[in-house]
Amino acid sequence: MLLFNLGQEHKFLGKAAKTAAQYSYPFYYVIYTLGFFLTLYIGIRELFIYIFIPLTVYLINNFTRSRLKRKRPFQELDIKLLLEHKGSPSCPSNHAACAVVIAFAFTQTAVYHNSPALTVLGIVFIILALFTGLSRVVCGIHYPKDIALGWFIGLIGWIIEYNILKLFL
């Protein structure tokens, strides 16, 4: 309840969380597109990895969601939503999983490209992915466990799939 009330009690934090929650998907689409073009420059093997892993993480996350069918906090608790949202399943968070896996994909591409500036930018994207998840909790859209499981699926999906694909490609 502390996180849910944070946006209500502190107007600036509420507005910041609302903005982050609202614009995180378009932001990460832009990052993903930039990384796509960077990876295209590097080579077809890295391009395949860059496309394949986020796609499978998204599919695994949605499969898990469809099985768990967990309601959102605003459907179960007496909290005020900071952002309009429909009542689709909540756990695990697509925003959290996708933001983390896209941030790691971008960062790995930057490291492979041997670009310190882009690597630092990738690390910033990873930190922003964490804020994206937290903003969804403050807005009342997700429980903290939804976000944690989304981060876990994004991170573990990236680590496992990346290491497997590197063996075979």
Protein backbone atom coordinates (compact mmCIF):
# COMPACT_ATOMS: atom_id res chain seq x y z
CA MET A 1 0.00 0.00 0.00
CA LEU A 2 2.98 2.27 0.57
CA LEU A 3 3.84 2.29 -3.14
CA PHE A 4 0.22 2.64 -4.21
CA ASN A 5 -0.24 5.67 -1.94
CA LEU A 6 3.05 7.29 -2.92
CA GLY A 7 1.58 8.87 -6.04
CA GLN A 8 -1.45 10.10 -4.13
CA GLU A 9 0.50 11.68 -1.30
CA HIS A 10 3.23 13.27 -3.44
CA LYS A 11 1.80 15.00 -6.51
CA PHE A 12 5.17 15.34 -8.26
CA LEU A 13 5.91 11.62 -7.85
CA GLY A 14 2.39 10.81 -9.01
CA LYS A 15 2.83 12.88 -12.16
CA ALA A 16 6.28 11.41 -12.81
CA ALA A 17 4.98 7.85 -12.35
CA LYS A 18 2.01 8.55 -14.60
CA THR A 19 4.27 9.96 -17.32
CA ALA A 20 6.68 7.03 -17.07
CA ALA A 21 3.89 4.46 -17.09
CA GLN A 22 2.10 6.13 -19.98
CA TYR A 23 5.07 6.68 -22.29
CA SER A 24 7.33 3.74 -21.50
CA TYR A 25 6.03 1.48 -24.28
CA PRO A 26 6.59 4.07 -27.05
CA PHE A 27 9.97 4.92 -25.52
CA TYR A 28 11.10 1.29 -25.60
CA TYR A 29 9.77 0.86 -29.15
CA VAL A 30 12.09 3.68 -30.18
CA ILE A 31 15.00 2.09 -28.31
CA TYR A 32 14.23 -1.26 -29.92
CA THR A 33 14.15 0.32 -33.37
CA LEU A 34 17.45 2.14 -32.81
CA GLY A 35 19.04 -1.09 -31.61
CA PHE A 36 17.60 -2.89 -34.63
CA PHE A 37 19.41 -0.54 -37.02
CA LEU A 38 22.60 -0.74 -34.99
CA THR A 39 22.41 -4.54 -35.05
CA LEU A 40 21.65 -4.52 -38.78
CA TYR A 41 24.99 -2.76 -39.23
CA ILE A 42 26.80 -5.40 -37.14
CA GLY A 43 25.55 -8.53 -38.86
CA ILE A 44 22.76 -11.01 -39.48
CA ARG A 45 23.64 -13.25 -36.52
CA GLU A 46 23.30 -10.43 -34.01
CA LEU A 47 20.18 -9.19 -35.79
CA PHE A 48 18.56 -12.61 -35.34
CA ILE A 49 19.44 -12.62 -31.64
CA TYR A 50 18.17 -9.05 -31.24
CA ILE A 51 14.81 -9.90 -32.78
CA PHE A 52 14.36 -13.44 -31.46
CA ILE A 53 14.99 -13.00 -27.73
CA PRO A 54 12.63 -10.06 -27.05
CA LEU A 55 9.96 -11.77 -29.16
CA THR A 56 10.19 -15.02 -27.20
CA VAL A 57 10.29 -13.18 -23.86
CA TYR A 58 7.11 -11.33 -24.86
CA LEU A 59 5.43 -14.61 -25.86
CA ILE A 60 6.52 -16.41 -22.67
CA ASN A 61 5.34 -13.48 -20.58
CA ASN A 62 1.93 -13.42 -22.27
CA PHE A 63 1.57 -17.19 -21.98
CA THR A 64 2.31 -16.95 -18.26
CA ARG A 65 -0.18 -14.10 -17.92
CA SER A 66 -2.92 -16.04 -19.64
CA ARG A 67 -2.41 -18.92 -17.22
CA LEU A 68 -2.19 -16.91 -13.99
CA LYS A 69 -5.09 -14.54 -14.79
CA ARG A 70 -4.28 -12.33 -11.83
CA LYS A 71 -6.47 -9.29 -11.34
CA ARG A 72 -4.98 -5.83 -11.15
CA PRO A 73 -4.71 -3.95 -7.84
CA PHE A 74 -7.30 -1.36 -8.82
CA GLN A 75 -9.76 -4.22 -9.35
CA GLU A 76 -9.17 -5.75 -5.92
CA LEU A 77 -8.08 -2.95 -3.60
CA ASP A 78 -9.54 0.37 -2.64
CA ILE A 79 -6.97 2.48 -4.49
CA LYS A 80 -7.28 5.35 -6.91
CA LEU A 81 -5.81 4.77 -10.36
CA LEU A 82 -3.45 7.47 -11.60
CA LEU A 83 -3.76 6.25 -15.19
CA GLU A 84 -6.69 4.80 -17.14
CA HIS A 85 -6.32 1.08 -17.70
CA LYS A 86 -8.45 -1.83 -18.74
CA GLY A 87 -8.81 -4.88 -16.55
CA SER A 88 -6.61 -7.34 -18.45
CA PRO A 89 -4.50 -9.86 -16.50
CA SER A 90 -1.80 -8.25 -14.43
CA CYS A 91 0.91 -10.80 -13.74
CA PRO A 92 3.61 -10.79 -14.98
CA SER A 93 3.92 -7.23 -16.25
CA ASN A 94 4.49 -6.92 -20.00
CA HIS A 95 5.94 -3.44 -19.52
CA ALA A 96 8.51 -4.74 -17.03
CA ALA A 97 9.50 -7.83 -19.04
CA CYS A 98 9.73 -6.02 -22.37
CA ALA A 99 11.55 -2.96 -21.01
CA VAL A 100 14.19 -5.14 -19.34
CA VAL A 101 14.79 -7.44 -22.30
CA ILE A 102 14.92 -4.56 -24.79
CA ALA A 103 17.34 -2.64 -22.55
CA PHE A 104 19.59 -5.71 -22.27
CA ALA A 105 19.38 -6.35 -26.02
CA PHE A 106 20.40 -2.76 -26.74
CA THR A 107 23.22 -2.86 -24.20
CA GLN A 108 24.58 -6.14 -25.56
CA THR A 109 24.50 -4.74 -29.08
CA ALA A 110 26.38 -1.63 -27.92
CA VAL A 111 29.00 -3.78 -26.17
CA TYR A 112 29.40 -5.95 -29.28
CA HIS A 113 29.73 -2.82 -31.39
CA ASN A 114 32.50 -1.74 -28.97
CA SER A 115 30.86 1.60 -28.33
CA PRO A 116 31.42 2.93 -24.79
CA ALA A 117 28.92 5.78 -25.29
CA LEU A 118 26.16 3.43 -26.48
CA THR A 119 26.99 0.97 -23.69
CA VAL A 120 26.51 3.72 -21.10
CA LEU A 121 23.24 4.62 -22.84
CA GLY A 122 22.21 0.96 -22.61
CA ILE A 123 22.90 0.96 -18.88
CA VAL A 124 20.73 4.07 -18.56
CA PHE A 125 17.99 2.17 -20.42
CA ILE A 126 18.29 -0.71 -17.92
CA ILE A 127 17.87 1.73 -15.02
CA LEU A 128 14.89 3.32 -16.79
CA ALA A 129 13.38 -0.16 -17.22
CA LEU A 130 13.43 -0.51 -13.44
CA PHE A 131 11.72 2.87 -13.05
CA THR A 132 9.15 1.83 -15.66
CA GLY A 133 8.16 -1.12 -13.52
CA LEU A 134 7.97 0.90 -10.32
CA SER A 135 5.86 3.56 -12.01
CA ARG A 136 3.28 0.92 -12.90
CA VAL A 137 2.97 0.03 -9.20
CA VAL A 138 2.69 3.66 -8.07
CA CYS A 139 -0.07 4.20 -10.67
CA GLY A 140 -2.05 1.26 -9.22
CA ILE A 141 -1.81 -0.82 -12.41
CA HIS A 142 0.37 -3.63 -11.03
CA TYR A 143 1.29 -5.30 -7.78
CA PRO A 144 5.02 -5.29 -6.93
CA LYS A 145 5.10 -9.08 -7.55
CA ASP A 146 3.78 -8.54 -11.10
CA ILE A 147 6.69 -6.23 -11.82
CA ALA A 148 9.27 -8.48 -10.15
CA LEU A 149 8.10 -11.50 -12.15
CA GLY A 150 8.16 -9.43 -15.37
CA TRP A 151 11.72 -8.28 -14.63
CA PHE A 152 12.69 -11.87 -13.80
CA ILE A 153 11.25 -13.25 -17.06
CA GLY A 154 12.94 -10.49 -19.07
CA LEU A 155 16.31 -10.92 -17.41
CA ILE A 156 16.40 -14.72 -17.22
CA GLY A 157 14.96 -14.99 -20.73
CA TRP A 158 17.73 -12.77 -22.03
CA ILE A 159 20.53 -14.58 -20.17
CA ILE A 160 19.43 -18.12 -21.05
CA GLU A 161 18.44 -17.49 -24.64
CA TYR A 162 21.46 -15.33 -25.40
CA ASN A 163 23.89 -17.95 -24.11
CA ILE A 164 22.11 -20.77 -25.96
CA LEU A 165 21.97 -18.84 -29.23
CA LYS A 166 25.63 -17.86 -28.96
CA LEU A 167 26.51 -21.57 -28.86
CA PHE A 168 24.64 -22.35 -32.07
CA LEU A 169 25.08 -19.20 -34.16
